[in-house]
């Protein structure tokens, strides 16, 4: 079942006095299917050695940005009162129902609010 989620996309980062600053877009909405991750699914290689309970899987048509080391953080997703960062994605562009499958890492609320205000 799809749920209405809120999300913020990362904007271009800038270096201020040697510190990288990341800002985010205004809040946006989308419908995503949210489900717990199992260690044997689509993101099995990424999850190797990690705790699956720290992650969620999301599926939908919204094109969310993924964490790019040294470039920018991933989109931040708010669902069910919990914040997540998009850390991996797979594109399913089959021409029938194009969609994306995302791996989300749970964030501390305080950390997320510092980023998106």
C-alpha atoms as a PDB file:
ATOM      1  CA  UNK A   1       0.000   0.000   0.000  1.00  0.00           C
ATOM      2  CA  UNK A   2       1.320   3.415  -0.924  1.00  0.00           C
ATOM      3  CA  UNK A   3       1.672   6.085   1.715  1.00  0.00           C
ATOM      4  CA  UNK A   4       1.895   9.838   1.376  1.00  0.00           C
ATOM      5  CA  UNK A   5       5.401  10.875   2.403  1.00  0.00           C
ATOM      6  CA  UNK A   6       7.184  14.209   2.637  1.00  0.00           C
ATOM      7  CA  UNK A   7      10.671  14.655   1.240  1.00  0.00           C
ATOM      8  CA  UNK A   8      13.436  17.205   0.728  1.00  0.00           C
ATOM      9  CA  UNK A   9      15.942  17.036  -2.143  1.00  0.00           C
ATOM     10  CA  UNK A  10      19.572  18.076  -1.556  1.00  0.00           C
ATOM     11  CA  UNK A  11      20.633  21.246  -3.352  1.00  0.00           C
ATOM     12  CA  UNK A  12      24.120  21.967  -4.620  1.00  0.00           C
ATOM     13  CA  UNK A  13      26.579  21.909  -1.737  1.00  0.00           C
ATOM     14  CA  UNK A  14      29.110  24.656  -1.144  1.00  0.00           C
ATOM     15  CA  UNK A  15      32.392  24.889   0.722  1.00  0.00           C
ATOM     16  CA  UNK A  16      32.375  27.673   3.335  1.00  0.00           C
ATOM     17  CA  UNK A  17      35.675  28.208   5.185  1.00  0.00           C
ATOM     18  CA  UNK A  18      36.652  24.585   4.624  1.00  0.00           C
ATOM     19  CA  UNK A  19      33.288  23.181   5.770  1.00  0.00           C
ATOM     20  CA  UNK A  20      30.899  21.635   3.258  1.00  0.00           C
ATOM     21  CA  UNK A  21      27.382  23.047   3.659  1.00  0.00           C
ATOM     22  CA  UNK A  22      24.397  21.156   2.271  1.00  0.00           C
ATOM     23  CA  UNK A  23      21.024  22.837   1.882  1.00  0.00           C
ATOM     24  CA  UNK A  24      17.738  21.226   0.922  1.00  0.00           C
ATOM     25  CA  UNK A  25      14.747  22.081  -1.257  1.00  0.00           C
ATOM     26  CA  UNK A  26      11.372  23.033   0.144  1.00  0.00           C
ATOM     27  CA  UNK A  27       9.231  20.158   1.393  1.00  0.00           C
ATOM     28  CA  UNK A  28       7.560  18.098  -1.331  1.00  0.00           C
ATOM     29  CA  UNK A  29       5.090  15.194  -1.290  1.00  0.00           C
ATOM     30  CA  UNK A  30       4.901  11.850  -3.065  1.00  0.00           C
ATOM     31  CA  UNK A  31       3.317   8.440  -2.691  1.00  0.00           C
ATOM     32  CA  UNK A  32       5.726   5.580  -1.940  1.00  0.00           C
ATOM     33  CA  UNK A  33       5.282   1.988  -0.910  1.00  0.00           C
ATOM     34  CA  UNK A  34       7.270   1.650   2.334  1.00  0.00           C
ATOM     35  CA  UNK A  35       8.324  -1.736   3.672  1.00  0.00           C
ATOM     36  CA  UNK A  36      10.920  -3.308   5.947  1.00  0.00           C
ATOM     37  CA  UNK A  37      14.079  -4.552   4.242  1.00  0.00           C
ATOM     38  CA  UNK A  38      15.136  -8.146   4.197  1.00  0.00           C
ATOM     39  CA  UNK A  39      18.802  -8.950   3.756  1.00  0.00           C
ATOM     40  CA  UNK A  40      18.168 -11.118   0.683  1.00  0.00           C
ATOM     41  CA  UNK A  41      16.345  -8.687  -1.607  1.00  0.00           C
ATOM     42  CA  UNK A  42      17.391  -6.149  -4.207  1.00  0.00           C
ATOM     43  CA  UNK A  43      19.937  -4.437  -1.962  1.00  0.00           C
ATOM     44  CA  UNK A  44      21.602  -7.596  -0.643  1.00  0.00           C
ATOM     45  CA  UNK A  45      25.132  -6.509  -1.693  1.00  0.00           C
ATOM     46  CA  UNK A  46      24.792  -3.047  -0.111  1.00  0.00           C
ATOM     47  CA  UNK A  47      23.426  -4.492   3.132  1.00  0.00           C
ATOM     48  CA  UNK A  48      26.232  -7.012   3.557  1.00  0.00           C
ATOM     49  CA  UNK A  49      27.524  -6.563   7.118  1.00  0.00           C
ATOM     50  CA  UNK A  50      24.879  -3.950   8.000  1.00  0.00           C
ATOM     51  CA  UNK A  51      21.823  -4.207  10.234  1.00  0.00           C
ATOM     52  CA  UNK A  52      18.695  -4.542   8.049  1.00  0.00           C
ATOM     53  CA  UNK A  53      16.538  -3.111  10.881  1.00  0.00           C
ATOM     54  CA  UNK A  54      18.260   0.287  10.302  1.00  0.00           C
ATOM     55  CA  UNK A  55      16.887   0.412   6.744  1.00  0.00           C
ATOM     56  CA  UNK A  56      13.581   0.615   4.906  1.00  0.00           C
ATOM     57  CA  UNK A  57      12.753  -0.031   1.279  1.00  0.00           C
ATOM     58  CA  UNK A  58      10.584   2.376  -0.705  1.00  0.00           C
ATOM     59  CA  UNK A  59       9.105   1.995  -4.179  1.00  0.00           C
ATOM     60  CA  UNK A  60       7.501   4.712  -6.293  1.00  0.00           C
ATOM     61  CA  UNK A  61       7.710   7.061  -9.258  1.00  0.00           C
ATOM     62  CA  UNK A  62       9.284  10.011  -7.390  1.00  0.00           C
ATOM     63  CA  UNK A  63      12.874  10.601  -8.588  1.00  0.00           C
ATOM     64  CA  UNK A  64      14.791  11.025  -5.307  1.00  0.00           C
ATOM     65  CA  UNK A  65      18.485  11.859  -5.144  1.00  0.00           C
ATOM     66  CA  UNK A  66      20.860   9.342  -3.593  1.00  0.00           C
ATOM     67  CA  UNK A  67      23.841  10.036  -1.335  1.00  0.00           C
ATOM     68  CA  UNK A  68      26.927  10.696  -3.456  1.00  0.00           C
ATOM     69  CA  UNK A  69      30.114  10.534  -1.390  1.00  0.00           C
ATOM     70  CA  UNK A  70      31.936  13.863  -1.521  1.00  0.00           C
ATOM     71  CA  UNK A  71      29.183  15.534  -3.555  1.00  0.00           C
ATOM     72  CA  UNK A  72      25.900  15.658  -1.636  1.00  0.00           C
ATOM     73  CA  UNK A  73      23.691  13.903   0.874  1.00  0.00           C
ATOM     74  CA  UNK A  74      20.670  11.924  -0.254  1.00  0.00           C
ATOM     75  CA  UNK A  75      17.089  13.110  -0.196  1.00  0.00           C
ATOM     76  CA  UNK A  76      15.483  13.060   3.243  1.00  0.00           C
ATOM     77  CA  UNK A  77      12.155  11.244   3.543  1.00  0.00           C
ATOM     78  CA  UNK A  78       9.626  11.664   6.371  1.00  0.00           C
ATOM     79  CA  UNK A  79       7.199   8.774   6.793  1.00  0.00           C
ATOM     80  CA  UNK A  80       5.252   7.734   9.869  1.00  0.00           C
ATOM     81  CA  UNK A  81       7.050  10.288  12.024  1.00  0.00           C
ATOM     82  CA  UNK A  82      10.497   8.890  11.170  1.00  0.00           C
ATOM     83  CA  UNK A  83      13.193  10.413   8.993  1.00  0.00           C
ATOM     84  CA  UNK A  84      15.264   8.484   6.457  1.00  0.00           C
ATOM     85  CA  UNK A  85      18.095   9.310   4.044  1.00  0.00           C
ATOM     86  CA  UNK A  86      18.124   7.796   0.550  1.00  0.00           C
ATOM     87  CA  UNK A  87      21.355   5.781   0.292  1.00  0.00           C
ATOM     88  CA  UNK A  88      20.784   3.497  -2.725  1.00  0.00           C
ATOM     89  CA  UNK A  89      18.428   3.268  -5.668  1.00  0.00           C
ATOM     90  CA  UNK A  90      17.559   0.961  -8.513  1.00  0.00           C
ATOM     91  CA  UNK A  91      15.737   2.142 -11.621  1.00  0.00           C
ATOM     92  CA  UNK A  92      13.009  -0.017 -13.122  1.00  0.00           C
ATOM     93  CA  UNK A  93      12.447   1.585 -16.524  1.00  0.00           C
ATOM     94  CA  UNK A  94      10.531  -1.215 -18.184  1.00  0.00           C
ATOM     95  CA  UNK A  95       8.181   0.950 -20.252  1.00  0.00           C
ATOM     96  CA  UNK A  96       5.112  -0.450 -18.481  1.00  0.00           C
ATOM     97  CA  UNK A  97       5.196   1.143 -15.034  1.00  0.00           C
ATOM     98  CA  UNK A  98       8.513   2.953 -14.691  1.00  0.00           C
ATOM     99  CA  UNK A  99       9.516   3.321 -11.054  1.00  0.00           C
ATOM    100  CA  UNK A 100      12.417   3.496  -8.616  1.00  0.00           C
ATOM    101  CA  UNK A 101      13.277   1.242  -5.711  1.00  0.00           C
ATOM    102  CA  UNK A 102      15.086   2.998  -2.852  1.00  0.00           C
ATOM    103  CA  UNK A 103      17.045   1.906   0.177  1.00  0.00           C
ATOM    104  CA  UNK A 104      16.488   4.323   3.060  1.00  0.00           C
ATOM    105  CA  UNK A 105      18.648   4.618   6.174  1.00  0.00           C
ATOM    106  CA  UNK A 106      16.890   5.712   9.365  1.00  0.00           C
ATOM    107  CA  UNK A 107      18.092   9.050  10.784  1.00  0.00           C
ATOM    108  CA  UNK A 108      17.862  10.570  14.228  1.00  0.00           C
ATOM    109  CA  UNK A 109      15.090  13.156  14.226  1.00  0.00           C
ATOM    110  CA  UNK A 110      17.408  15.869  15.548  1.00  0.00           C
ATOM    111  CA  UNK A 111      19.930  15.248  12.739  1.00  0.00           C
ATOM    112  CA  UNK A 112      17.229  15.422  10.068  1.00  0.00           C
ATOM    113  CA  UNK A 113      15.687  18.598  11.487  1.00  0.00           C
ATOM    114  CA  UNK A 114      19.089  20.301  11.544  1.00  0.00           C
ATOM    115  CA  UNK A 115      19.335  19.673   7.822  1.00  0.00           C
ATOM    116  CA  UNK A 116      15.807  20.493   6.636  1.00  0.00           C
ATOM    117  CA  UNK A 117      14.820  22.925   9.394  1.00  0.00           C
END
